[in-house]
Amino acid sequence: MVTLSKIYTRGGDAGQTSLGDGSRRAKHDLRVEAYGTVDEANAAIGLVRQHTTGEIDALLSRIQNDLFDLGADLCTPEGTERRSSALRVEASQVKTLEDEIDRYNASLEPLKSFILPGGTPAAAYLHLARTVTRRAERLVVALAEAEPVNPESVKYLNRLSDLFFVLGRHVNDGGKADILWVPGANR
């Protein structure tokens, strides 16, 4: 467990931060951008959770914890671990997301148009979380082109954004409150 007794360290005042292996990187480094954007997605889930209860809220709570695991994974470069217990996202976590997507999607009618973010507050915030998650995924993919990254982290983010899409429809009264895109409607 982590113990934080002091919140500021002044260690980043010169524009660098420490990774999980103790190395230093610029705060604009692609790795730092990637796990920072995962943190941003987690914050968006916090907004969603202001509008959810029950099993959806419990699912989002588990995902928030997983995203901290993912941040820890991305913060510790592959092959440079200080300890063998460095957190890594696992295939089982990706499979859990797939199972949840299948479960919630089973009750939804197939889409006949793209949907616009909106409807209920929970759905709107789920779409925000989805788009931030997609940005995090793009950054992790770019990072993976530059240096080794746990491939499960990319899969996790890909499935997570899909889950947010499905959950957005689910909390929109099973898709009945979805706002459909009407191509060219305002011409």
N, C-alpha and C. Protein backbone atom coordinates (compact mmCIF):
# COMPACT_ATOMS: atom_id res chain seq x y z
N MET A 1 0.84 -1.18 0.00
CA MET A 1 0.00 0.00 0.00
C MET A 1 0.88 1.24 0.00
N VAL A 2 0.37 2.30 -0.53
CA VAL A 2 1.10 3.56 -0.62
C VAL A 2 0.76 4.42 0.59
N THR A 3 1.76 5.06 1.16
CA THR A 3 1.55 6.02 2.23
C THR A 3 2.01 7.38 1.75
N LEU A 4 1.11 8.35 1.77
CA LEU A 4 1.43 9.71 1.34
C LEU A 4 1.28 10.62 2.55
N SER A 5 2.38 10.99 3.15
CA SER A 5 2.32 11.89 4.29
C SER A 5 2.61 13.33 3.87
N LYS A 6 3.31 13.48 2.77
CA LYS A 6 3.62 14.81 2.26
C LYS A 6 3.14 14.88 0.81
N ILE A 7 2.36 15.88 0.49
CA ILE A 7 1.75 15.96 -0.84
C ILE A 7 2.68 16.64 -1.84
N TYR A 8 3.37 17.65 -1.46
CA TYR A 8 4.31 18.28 -2.40
C TYR A 8 5.74 17.92 -2.02
N THR A 9 6.54 17.71 -3.07
CA THR A 9 7.94 17.32 -2.85
C THR A 9 8.92 18.30 -3.50
N ARG A 10 8.42 19.14 -4.37
CA ARG A 10 9.22 20.07 -5.17
C ARG A 10 10.06 19.34 -6.22
N GLY A 11 9.93 18.01 -6.29
CA GLY A 11 10.71 17.23 -7.23
C GLY A 11 10.36 17.50 -8.68
N GLY A 12 9.17 17.98 -8.93
CA GLY A 12 8.76 18.25 -10.31
C GLY A 12 8.85 19.70 -10.71
N ASP A 13 9.41 20.53 -9.86
CA ASP A 13 9.47 21.96 -10.15
C ASP A 13 10.29 22.30 -11.39
N ALA A 14 11.20 21.44 -11.77
CA ALA A 14 12.03 21.69 -12.95
C ALA A 14 11.45 21.02 -14.21
N GLY A 15 10.19 20.53 -14.10
CA GLY A 15 9.53 19.97 -15.29
C GLY A 15 9.76 18.49 -15.50
N GLN A 16 10.25 17.79 -14.48
CA GLN A 16 10.43 16.34 -14.60
C GLN A 16 9.68 15.64 -13.48
N THR A 17 9.42 14.35 -13.68
CA THR A 17 8.74 13.54 -12.69
C THR A 17 9.41 12.17 -12.63
N SER A 18 9.19 11.47 -11.56
CA SER A 18 9.77 10.13 -11.40
C SER A 18 8.80 9.06 -11.87
N LEU A 19 9.34 8.07 -12.55
CA LEU A 19 8.55 6.90 -12.94
C LEU A 19 8.63 5.85 -11.84
N GLY A 20 7.88 4.78 -12.02
CA GLY A 20 7.83 3.71 -11.03
C GLY A 20 9.15 2.99 -10.82
N ASP A 21 10.05 3.10 -11.79
CA ASP A 21 11.36 2.45 -11.65
C ASP A 21 12.41 3.42 -11.11
N GLY A 22 12.00 4.64 -10.76
CA GLY A 22 12.92 5.62 -10.21
C GLY A 22 13.56 6.54 -11.24
N SER A 23 13.42 6.22 -12.53
CA SER A 23 13.99 7.09 -13.56
C SER A 23 13.18 8.38 -13.66
N ARG A 24 13.79 9.39 -14.23
CA ARG A 24 13.16 10.70 -14.36
C ARG A 24 12.81 10.94 -15.82
N ARG A 25 11.65 11.52 -16.05
CA ARG A 25 11.19 11.89 -17.39
C ARG A 25 10.59 13.29 -17.35
N ALA A 26 10.63 13.94 -18.50
CA ALA A 26 9.97 15.23 -18.63
C ALA A 26 8.47 15.04 -18.44
N LYS A 27 7.83 16.03 -17.87
CA LYS A 27 6.39 15.92 -17.63
C LYS A 27 5.59 15.87 -18.92
N HIS A 28 6.20 16.26 -20.04
CA HIS A 28 5.52 16.18 -21.33
C HIS A 28 5.91 14.91 -22.10
N ASP A 29 6.68 14.02 -21.47
CA ASP A 29 7.08 12.75 -22.07
C ASP A 29 5.82 11.94 -22.42
N LEU A 30 5.88 11.22 -23.51
CA LEU A 30 4.73 10.45 -23.98
C LEU A 30 4.22 9.47 -22.91
N ARG A 31 5.11 8.85 -22.17
CA ARG A 31 4.69 7.91 -21.12
C ARG A 31 3.89 8.65 -20.04
N VAL A 32 4.37 9.81 -19.66
CA VAL A 32 3.68 10.60 -18.63
C VAL A 32 2.34 11.09 -19.16
N GLU A 33 2.31 11.51 -20.43
CA GLU A 33 1.05 11.91 -21.06
C GLU A 33 0.05 10.74 -21.05
N ALA A 34 0.54 9.54 -21.33
CA ALA A 34 -0.34 8.38 -21.41
C ALA A 34 -0.97 8.08 -20.06
N TYR A 35 -0.14 7.95 -19.01
CA TYR A 35 -0.76 7.61 -17.73
C TYR A 35 -1.50 8.80 -17.12
N GLY A 36 -1.12 10.01 -17.50
CA GLY A 36 -1.88 11.18 -17.06
C GLY A 36 -3.27 11.21 -17.67
N THR A 37 -3.38 10.78 -18.91
CA THR A 37 -4.68 10.75 -19.57
C THR A 37 -5.54 9.61 -19.02
N VAL A 38 -4.92 8.51 -18.62
CA VAL A 38 -5.66 7.45 -17.93
C VAL A 38 -6.23 8.02 -16.63
N ASP A 39 -5.46 8.83 -15.92
CA ASP A 39 -5.94 9.47 -14.70
C ASP A 39 -7.11 10.40 -15.00
N GLU A 40 -7.03 11.11 -16.12
CA GLU A 40 -8.12 11.99 -16.53
C GLU A 40 -9.40 11.18 -16.81
N ALA A 41 -9.25 10.03 -17.45
CA ALA A 41 -10.41 9.16 -17.69
C ALA A 41 -11.02 8.73 -16.35
N ASN A 42 -10.15 8.43 -15.39
CA ASN A 42 -10.63 8.03 -14.07
C ASN A 42 -11.43 9.16 -13.43
N ALA A 43 -10.97 10.39 -13.59
CA ALA A 43 -11.71 11.54 -13.04
C ALA A 43 -13.07 11.67 -13.71
N ALA A 44 -13.14 11.41 -15.01
CA ALA A 44 -14.42 11.47 -15.72
C ALA A 44 -15.38 10.41 -15.17
N ILE A 45 -14.85 9.25 -14.81
CA ILE A 45 -15.70 8.22 -14.20
C ILE A 45 -16.24 8.71 -12.86
N GLY A 46 -15.43 9.46 -12.14
CA GLY A 46 -15.92 10.06 -10.90
C GLY A 46 -17.14 10.93 -11.13
N LEU A 47 -17.16 11.65 -12.25
CA LEU A 47 -18.34 12.45 -12.60
C LEU A 47 -19.53 11.55 -12.91
N VAL A 48 -19.30 10.49 -13.66
CA VAL A 48 -20.38 9.55 -13.97
C VAL A 48 -21.00 9.03 -12.68
N ARG A 49 -20.15 8.68 -11.73
CA ARG A 49 -20.62 8.03 -10.50
C ARG A 49 -21.48 8.95 -9.64
N GLN A 50 -21.47 10.24 -9.92
CA GLN A 50 -22.38 11.14 -9.21
C GLN A 50 -23.83 10.91 -9.65
N HIS A 51 -24.00 10.14 -10.73
CA HIS A 51 -25.33 9.92 -11.31
C HIS A 51 -25.68 8.43 -11.43
N THR A 52 -24.95 7.56 -10.73
CA THR A 52 -25.22 6.12 -10.81
C THR A 52 -25.38 5.53 -9.41
N THR A 53 -26.03 4.40 -9.38
CA THR A 53 -26.21 3.64 -8.14
C THR A 53 -26.12 2.16 -8.48
N GLY A 54 -26.19 1.33 -7.47
CA GLY A 54 -26.32 -0.10 -7.65
C GLY A 54 -25.17 -0.74 -8.41
N GLU A 55 -25.54 -1.68 -9.28
CA GLU A 55 -24.52 -2.49 -9.96
C GLU A 55 -23.68 -1.67 -10.94
N ILE A 56 -24.25 -0.65 -11.57
CA ILE A 56 -23.47 0.20 -12.48
C ILE A 56 -22.42 0.95 -11.67
N ASP A 57 -22.81 1.50 -10.54
CA ASP A 57 -21.86 2.23 -9.71
C ASP A 57 -20.76 1.30 -9.20
N ALA A 58 -21.13 0.09 -8.81
CA ALA A 58 -20.13 -0.89 -8.34
C ALA A 58 -19.17 -1.26 -9.47
N LEU A 59 -19.68 -1.43 -10.68
CA LEU A 59 -18.84 -1.72 -11.83
C LEU A 59 -17.87 -0.57 -12.08
N LEU A 60 -18.36 0.65 -12.04
CA LEU A 60 -17.50 1.82 -12.27
C LEU A 60 -16.45 1.95 -11.17
N SER A 61 -16.79 1.59 -9.96
CA SER A 61 -15.82 1.61 -8.86
C SER A 61 -14.68 0.63 -9.14
N ARG A 62 -15.03 -0.57 -9.60
CA ARG A 62 -14.00 -1.57 -9.93
C ARG A 62 -13.11 -1.05 -11.07
N ILE A 63 -13.73 -0.42 -12.06
CA ILE A 63 -12.97 0.12 -13.19
C ILE A 63 -12.03 1.22 -12.72
N GLN A 64 -12.48 2.08 -11.81
CA GLN A 64 -11.59 3.12 -11.30
C GLN A 64 -10.35 2.50 -10.66
N ASN A 65 -10.54 1.43 -9.92
CA ASN A 65 -9.40 0.75 -9.31
C ASN A 65 -8.48 0.17 -10.38
N ASP A 66 -9.09 -0.46 -11.40
CA ASP A 66 -8.30 -1.00 -12.52
C ASP A 66 -7.49 0.09 -13.21
N LEU A 67 -8.07 1.29 -13.34
CA LEU A 67 -7.35 2.36 -14.00
C LEU A 67 -6.16 2.83 -13.18
N PHE A 68 -6.24 2.74 -11.86
CA PHE A 68 -5.04 3.02 -11.07
C PHE A 68 -4.00 1.94 -11.30
N ASP A 69 -4.43 0.67 -11.42
CA ASP A 69 -3.50 -0.40 -11.79
C ASP A 69 -2.85 -0.10 -13.13
N LEU A 70 -3.66 0.34 -14.10
CA LEU A 70 -3.13 0.65 -15.43
C LEU A 70 -2.14 1.81 -15.36
N GLY A 71 -2.45 2.82 -14.57
CA GLY A 71 -1.52 3.93 -14.40
C GLY A 71 -0.20 3.46 -13.82
N ALA A 72 -0.27 2.56 -12.84
CA ALA A 72 0.95 2.00 -12.24
C ALA A 72 1.72 1.18 -13.27
N ASP A 73 1.00 0.45 -14.10
CA ASP A 73 1.62 -0.34 -15.17
C ASP A 73 2.38 0.58 -16.12
N LEU A 74 1.71 1.63 -16.59
CA LEU A 74 2.32 2.55 -17.55
C LEU A 74 3.45 3.36 -16.93
N CYS A 75 3.38 3.60 -15.64
CA CYS A 75 4.39 4.41 -14.95
C CYS A 75 5.68 3.63 -14.71
N THR A 76 5.63 2.31 -14.85
CA THR A 76 6.82 1.48 -14.65
C THR A 76 7.17 0.85 -16.00
N PRO A 77 8.18 1.38 -16.70
CA PRO A 77 8.52 0.84 -18.02
C PRO A 77 8.80 -0.66 -17.97
N GLU A 78 8.43 -1.33 -19.03
CA GLU A 78 8.67 -2.77 -19.16
C GLU A 78 10.15 -3.07 -19.03
N GLY A 79 10.50 -4.11 -18.29
CA GLY A 79 11.87 -4.57 -18.20
C GLY A 79 12.77 -3.78 -17.27
N THR A 80 12.22 -2.76 -16.60
CA THR A 80 13.06 -1.96 -15.71
C THR A 80 12.50 -1.94 -14.30
N GLU A 81 11.70 -2.94 -13.96
CA GLU A 81 11.03 -2.95 -12.67
C GLU A 81 12.01 -3.01 -11.51
N ARG A 82 11.77 -2.21 -10.51
CA ARG A 82 12.57 -2.27 -9.28
C ARG A 82 12.26 -3.54 -8.50
N ARG A 83 11.04 -3.98 -8.64
CA ARG A 83 10.63 -5.17 -7.90
C ARG A 83 9.74 -6.02 -8.81
N SER A 84 9.70 -7.29 -8.56
CA SER A 84 8.91 -8.19 -9.42
C SER A 84 7.42 -8.01 -9.21
N SER A 85 7.02 -7.29 -8.18
CA SER A 85 5.60 -7.13 -7.90
C SER A 85 4.99 -5.91 -8.58
N ALA A 86 5.68 -5.30 -9.54
CA ALA A 86 5.12 -4.15 -10.26
C ALA A 86 3.79 -4.55 -10.86
N LEU A 87 2.80 -3.69 -10.72
CA LEU A 87 1.47 -3.98 -11.23
C LEU A 87 1.47 -4.00 -12.75
N ARG A 88 0.81 -4.98 -13.32
CA ARG A 88 0.59 -5.06 -14.76
C ARG A 88 -0.88 -5.41 -14.99
N VAL A 89 -1.49 -4.78 -15.98
CA VAL A 89 -2.84 -5.15 -16.37
C VAL A 89 -2.77 -6.55 -16.97
N GLU A 90 -3.74 -7.38 -16.63
CA GLU A 90 -3.74 -8.77 -17.06
C GLU A 90 -4.88 -9.06 -18.03
N ALA A 91 -4.72 -10.11 -18.79
CA ALA A 91 -5.74 -10.52 -19.77
C ALA A 91 -7.09 -10.76 -19.09
N SER A 92 -7.08 -11.22 -17.86
CA SER A 92 -8.35 -11.48 -17.15
C SER A 92 -9.14 -10.19 -16.95
N GLN A 93 -8.44 -9.06 -16.79
CA GLN A 93 -9.14 -7.79 -16.63
C GLN A 93 -9.80 -7.38 -17.95
N VAL A 94 -9.14 -7.65 -19.06
CA VAL A 94 -9.72 -7.38 -20.38
C VAL A 94 -10.94 -8.27 -20.59
N LYS A 95 -10.83 -9.54 -20.23
CA LYS A 95 -11.94 -10.50 -20.38
C LYS A 95 -13.14 -10.07 -19.54
N THR A 96 -12.90 -9.56 -18.35
CA THR A 96 -14.00 -9.08 -17.51
C THR A 96 -14.75 -7.95 -18.22
N LEU A 97 -14.02 -7.04 -18.85
CA LEU A 97 -14.68 -5.96 -19.60
C LEU A 97 -15.51 -6.52 -20.75
N GLU A 98 -14.96 -7.50 -21.46
CA GLU A 98 -15.69 -8.11 -22.57
C GLU A 98 -16.98 -8.75 -22.09
N ASP A 99 -16.91 -9.43 -20.95
CA ASP A 99 -18.10 -10.06 -20.39
C ASP A 99 -19.16 -9.01 -20.04
N GLU A 100 -18.73 -7.89 -19.48
CA GLU A 100 -19.67 -6.82 -19.12
C GLU A 100 -20.27 -6.19 -20.38
N ILE A 101 -19.46 -5.99 -21.41
CA ILE A 101 -19.99 -5.45 -22.67
C ILE A 101 -21.07 -6.37 -23.20
N ASP A 102 -20.78 -7.66 -23.27
CA ASP A 102 -21.75 -8.62 -23.79
C ASP A 102 -23.02 -8.64 -22.96
N ARG A 103 -22.87 -8.58 -21.63
CA ARG A 103 -24.03 -8.63 -20.74
C ARG A 103 -24.94 -7.43 -20.94
N TYR A 104 -24.38 -6.23 -20.96
CA TYR A 104 -25.21 -5.03 -21.10
C TYR A 104 -25.70 -4.81 -22.52
N ASN A 105 -24.93 -5.23 -23.50
CA ASN A 105 -25.34 -5.04 -24.89
C ASN A 105 -26.47 -5.98 -25.29
N ALA A 106 -26.58 -7.11 -24.62
CA ALA A 106 -27.59 -8.12 -24.97
C ALA A 106 -29.01 -7.57 -24.90
N SER A 107 -29.26 -6.61 -24.02
CA SER A 107 -30.62 -6.08 -23.86
C SER A 107 -30.89 -4.85 -24.72
N LEU A 108 -29.90 -4.41 -25.49
CA LEU A 108 -30.06 -3.20 -26.29
C LEU A 108 -30.47 -3.55 -27.72
N GLU A 109 -31.33 -2.71 -28.29
CA GLU A 109 -31.69 -2.85 -29.70
C GLU A 109 -30.49 -2.45 -30.56
N PRO A 110 -30.29 -3.10 -31.70
CA PRO A 110 -29.20 -2.68 -32.58
C PRO A 110 -29.39 -1.22 -33.01
N LEU A 111 -28.29 -0.53 -33.18
CA LEU A 111 -28.35 0.86 -33.61
C LEU A 111 -28.61 0.96 -35.10
N LYS A 112 -29.41 1.94 -35.48
CA LYS A 112 -29.68 2.22 -36.89
C LYS A 112 -29.06 3.54 -37.31
N SER A 113 -28.40 4.20 -36.36
CA SER A 113 -27.71 5.46 -36.61
C SER A 113 -26.65 5.61 -35.52
N PHE A 114 -25.69 6.49 -35.75
CA PHE A 114 -24.78 6.83 -34.68
C PHE A 114 -25.56 7.63 -33.64
N ILE A 115 -25.06 7.62 -32.41
CA ILE A 115 -25.74 8.41 -31.39
C ILE A 115 -24.85 9.57 -30.97
N LEU A 116 -25.50 10.63 -30.53
CA LEU A 116 -24.81 11.81 -30.04
C LEU A 116 -24.69 11.69 -28.52
N PRO A 117 -23.59 12.16 -27.95
CA PRO A 117 -23.46 12.12 -26.50
C PRO A 117 -24.58 12.94 -25.84
N GLY A 118 -25.24 12.33 -24.89
CA GLY A 118 -26.31 13.05 -24.19
C GLY A 118 -27.35 12.09 -23.66
N GLY A 119 -28.53 12.64 -23.45
CA GLY A 119 -29.59 11.87 -22.82
C GLY A 119 -29.55 12.16 -21.33
N THR A 120 -29.37 11.14 -20.54
CA THR A 120 -29.29 11.32 -19.10
C THR A 120 -27.91 11.89 -18.72
N PRO A 121 -27.79 12.52 -17.55
CA PRO A 121 -26.46 12.98 -17.12
C PRO A 121 -25.44 11.84 -17.06
N ALA A 122 -25.85 10.68 -16.57
CA ALA A 122 -24.92 9.55 -16.51
C ALA A 122 -24.43 9.16 -17.90
N ALA A 123 -25.33 9.15 -18.87
CA ALA A 123 -24.94 8.79 -20.24
C ALA A 123 -23.99 9.83 -20.82
N ALA A 124 -24.29 11.10 -20.61
CA ALA A 124 -23.42 12.16 -21.13
C ALA A 124 -22.02 12.04 -20.55
N TYR A 125 -21.92 11.78 -19.24
CA TYR A 125 -20.60 11.63 -18.62
C TYR A 125 -19.92 10.34 -19.04
N LEU A 126 -20.69 9.29 -19.31
CA LEU A 126 -20.08 8.06 -19.84
C LEU A 126 -19.46 8.31 -21.21
N HIS A 127 -20.12 9.13 -22.02
CA HIS A 127 -19.54 9.46 -23.33
C HIS A 127 -18.29 10.32 -23.16
N LEU A 128 -18.27 11.19 -22.18
CA LEU A 128 -17.06 11.95 -21.89
C LEU A 128 -15.94 11.00 -21.48
N ALA A 129 -16.24 10.06 -20.58
CA ALA A 129 -15.24 9.07 -20.15
C ALA A 129 -14.77 8.24 -21.34
N ARG A 130 -15.70 7.92 -22.25
CA ARG A 130 -15.35 7.13 -23.45
C ARG A 130 -14.36 7.89 -24.32
N THR A 131 -14.59 9.17 -24.54
CA THR A 131 -13.70 9.91 -25.43
C THR A 131 -12.33 10.15 -24.78
N VAL A 132 -12.30 10.38 -23.48
CA VAL A 132 -11.01 10.52 -22.80
C VAL A 132 -10.26 9.20 -22.82
N THR A 133 -10.99 8.10 -22.66
CA THR A 133 -10.38 6.77 -22.72
C THR A 133 -9.81 6.50 -24.11
N ARG A 134 -10.51 6.91 -25.15
CA ARG A 134 -9.99 6.75 -26.52
C ARG A 134 -8.71 7.55 -26.72
N ARG A 135 -8.66 8.75 -26.13
CA ARG A 135 -7.44 9.55 -26.23
C ARG A 135 -6.29 8.86 -25.50
N ALA A 136 -6.58 8.32 -24.32
CA ALA A 136 -5.56 7.57 -23.58
C ALA A 136 -5.07 6.39 -24.41
N GLU A 137 -6.00 5.70 -25.05
CA GLU A 137 -5.62 4.56 -25.90
C GLU A 137 -4.69 5.00 -27.03
N ARG A 138 -5.01 6.12 -27.69
CA ARG A 138 -4.14 6.61 -28.77
C ARG A 138 -2.75 6.92 -28.25
N LEU A 139 -2.67 7.51 -27.07
CA LEU A 139 -1.36 7.84 -26.49
C LEU A 139 -0.58 6.58 -26.12
N VAL A 140 -1.26 5.58 -25.59
CA VAL A 140 -0.57 4.33 -25.23
C VAL A 140 -0.10 3.61 -26.49
N VAL A 141 -0.90 3.64 -27.55
CA VAL A 141 -0.48 3.04 -28.82
C VAL A 141 0.76 3.76 -29.35
N ALA A 142 0.76 5.09 -29.29
CA ALA A 142 1.94 5.84 -29.73
C ALA A 142 3.14 5.50 -28.86
N LEU A 143 2.94 5.39 -27.56
CA LEU A 143 4.03 5.01 -26.66
C LEU A 143 4.56 3.63 -27.02
N ALA A 144 3.66 2.70 -27.33
CA ALA A 144 4.07 1.33 -27.68
C ALA A 144 4.90 1.29 -28.95
N GLU A 145 4.74 2.27 -29.83
CA GLU A 145 5.57 2.35 -31.02
C GLU A 145 6.97 2.84 -30.69
N ALA A 146 7.12 3.54 -29.57
CA ALA A 146 8.39 4.13 -29.19
C ALA A 146 9.19 3.28 -28.20
N GLU A 147 8.49 2.55 -27.34
CA GLU A 147 9.16 1.73 -26.33
C GLU A 147 8.21 0.63 -25.87
N PRO A 148 8.74 -0.42 -25.24
CA PRO A 148 7.87 -1.54 -24.84
C PRO A 148 6.78 -1.12 -23.86
N VAL A 149 5.58 -1.63 -24.12
CA VAL A 149 4.41 -1.39 -23.28
C VAL A 149 3.67 -2.72 -23.15
N ASN A 150 3.11 -2.97 -22.00
CA ASN A 150 2.29 -4.15 -21.78
C ASN A 150 1.14 -4.13 -22.80
N PRO A 151 1.06 -5.11 -23.71
CA PRO A 151 0.00 -5.09 -24.72
C PRO A 151 -1.41 -5.18 -24.13
N GLU A 152 -1.54 -5.72 -22.93
CA GLU A 152 -2.86 -5.80 -22.30
C GLU A 152 -3.39 -4.41 -21.96
N SER A 153 -2.49 -3.44 -21.78
CA SER A 153 -2.95 -2.08 -21.45
C SER A 153 -3.71 -1.48 -22.63
N VAL A 154 -3.25 -1.71 -23.84
CA VAL A 154 -3.95 -1.20 -25.02
C VAL A 154 -5.30 -1.90 -25.17
N LYS A 155 -5.31 -3.21 -25.00
CA LYS A 155 -6.56 -3.96 -25.09
C LYS A 155 -7.56 -3.49 -24.04
N TYR A 156 -7.06 -3.26 -22.82
CA TYR A 156 -7.95 -2.83 -21.73
C TYR A 156 -8.63 -1.51 -22.10
N LEU A 157 -7.86 -0.54 -22.57
CA LEU A 157 -8.43 0.76 -22.92
C LEU A 157 -9.41 0.65 -24.09
N ASN A 158 -9.08 -0.19 -25.06
CA ASN A 158 -9.97 -0.38 -26.20
C ASN A 158 -11.32 -0.94 -25.75
N ARG A 159 -11.29 -1.97 -24.92
CA ARG A 159 -12.55 -2.56 -24.43
C ARG A 159 -13.28 -1.60 -23.51
N LEU A 160 -12.52 -0.85 -22.70
CA LEU A 160 -13.16 0.05 -21.75
C LEU A 160 -13.98 1.12 -22.48
N SER A 161 -13.44 1.67 -23.54
CA SER A 161 -14.21 2.68 -24.28
C SER A 161 -15.47 2.07 -24.88
N ASP A 162 -15.38 0.82 -25.34
CA ASP A 162 -16.57 0.13 -25.84
C ASP A 162 -17.59 -0.08 -24.73
N LEU A 163 -17.11 -0.45 -23.55
CA LEU A 163 -18.02 -0.63 -22.42
C LEU A 163 -18.72 0.67 -22.07
N PHE A 164 -17.99 1.78 -22.07
CA PHE A 164 -18.62 3.07 -21.76
C PHE A 164 -19.71 3.41 -22.77
N PHE A 165 -19.48 3.07 -24.04
CA PHE A 165 -20.50 3.30 -25.06
C PHE A 165 -21.75 2.50 -24.75
N VAL A 166 -21.57 1.22 -24.46
CA VAL A 166 -22.71 0.34 -24.16
C VAL A 166 -23.41 0.78 -22.88
N LEU A 167 -22.64 1.11 -21.85
CA LEU A 167 -23.26 1.56 -20.60
C LEU A 167 -24.01 2.87 -20.80
N GLY A 168 -23.49 3.76 -21.66
CA GLY A 168 -24.18 5.00 -21.96
C GLY A 168 -25.56 4.73 -22.54
N ARG A 169 -25.65 3.76 -23.41
CA ARG A 169 -26.95 3.38 -23.98
C ARG A 169 -27.82 2.74 -22.90
N HIS A 170 -27.22 1.89 -22.08
CA HIS A 170 -27.96 1.21 -21.02
C HIS A 170 -28.61 2.21 -20.06
N VAL A 171 -27.84 3.22 -19.61
CA VAL A 171 -28.39 4.19 -18.66
C VAL A 171 -29.31 5.20 -19.35
N ASN A 172 -29.35 5.20 -20.66
CA ASN A 172 -30.31 6.01 -21.41
C ASN A 172 -31.58 5.20 -21.65
N ASP A 173 -32.11 4.64 -20.57
CA ASP A 173 -33.34 3.85 -20.63
C ASP A 173 -33.24 2.73 -21.67
N GLY A 174 -32.13 2.01 -21.59
CA GLY A 174 -31.93 0.89 -22.51
C GLY A 174 -31.82 1.33 -23.96
N GLY A 175 -31.39 2.55 -24.19
CA GLY A 175 -31.24 3.07 -25.55
C GLY A 175 -32.42 3.90 -26.00
N LYS A 176 -33.54 3.86 -25.28
CA LYS A 176 -34.73 4.62 -25.69
C LYS A 176 -34.51 6.13 -25.61
N ALA A 177 -33.62 6.58 -24.74
CA ALA A 177 -33.35 8.01 -24.60
C ALA A 177 -32.09 8.44 -25.38
N ASP A 178 -31.55 7.53 -26.19
CA ASP A 178 -30.40 7.89 -27.02
C ASP A 178 -30.79 9.01 -27.97
N ILE A 179 -29.85 9.89 -28.22
CA ILE A 179 -30.06 10.97 -29.18
C ILE A 179 -29.38 10.56 -30.47
N LEU A 180 -30.17 10.30 -31.48
CA LEU A 180 -29.63 9.79 -32.74
C LEU A 180 -29.10 10.92 -33.62
N TRP A 181 -28.00 10.63 -34.29
CA TRP A 181 -27.44 11.55 -35.26
C TRP A 181 -28.32 11.49 -36.51
N VAL A 182 -28.67 12.66 -37.01
CA VAL A 182 -29.42 12.77 -38.26
C VAL A 182 -28.49 13.42 -39.26
N PRO A 183 -27.89 12.64 -40.16
CA PRO A 183 -26.92 13.19 -41.10
C PRO A 183 -27.54 14.31 -41.95
N GLY A 184 -26.83 15.44 -42.00
CA GLY A 184 -27.28 16.56 -42.83
C GLY A 184 -28.53 17.26 -42.35
N ALA A 185 -28.93 17.06 -41.10
CA ALA A 185 -30.20 17.60 -40.60
C ALA A 185 -30.28 19.11 -40.64
N ASN A 186 -29.17 19.78 -40.58
CA ASN A 186 -29.20 21.25 -40.49
C ASN A 186 -28.70 21.95 -41.75
N ARG A 187 -28.78 21.27 -42.86
CA ARG A 187 -28.36 21.89 -44.13
C ARG A 187 -29.38 22.87 -44.60
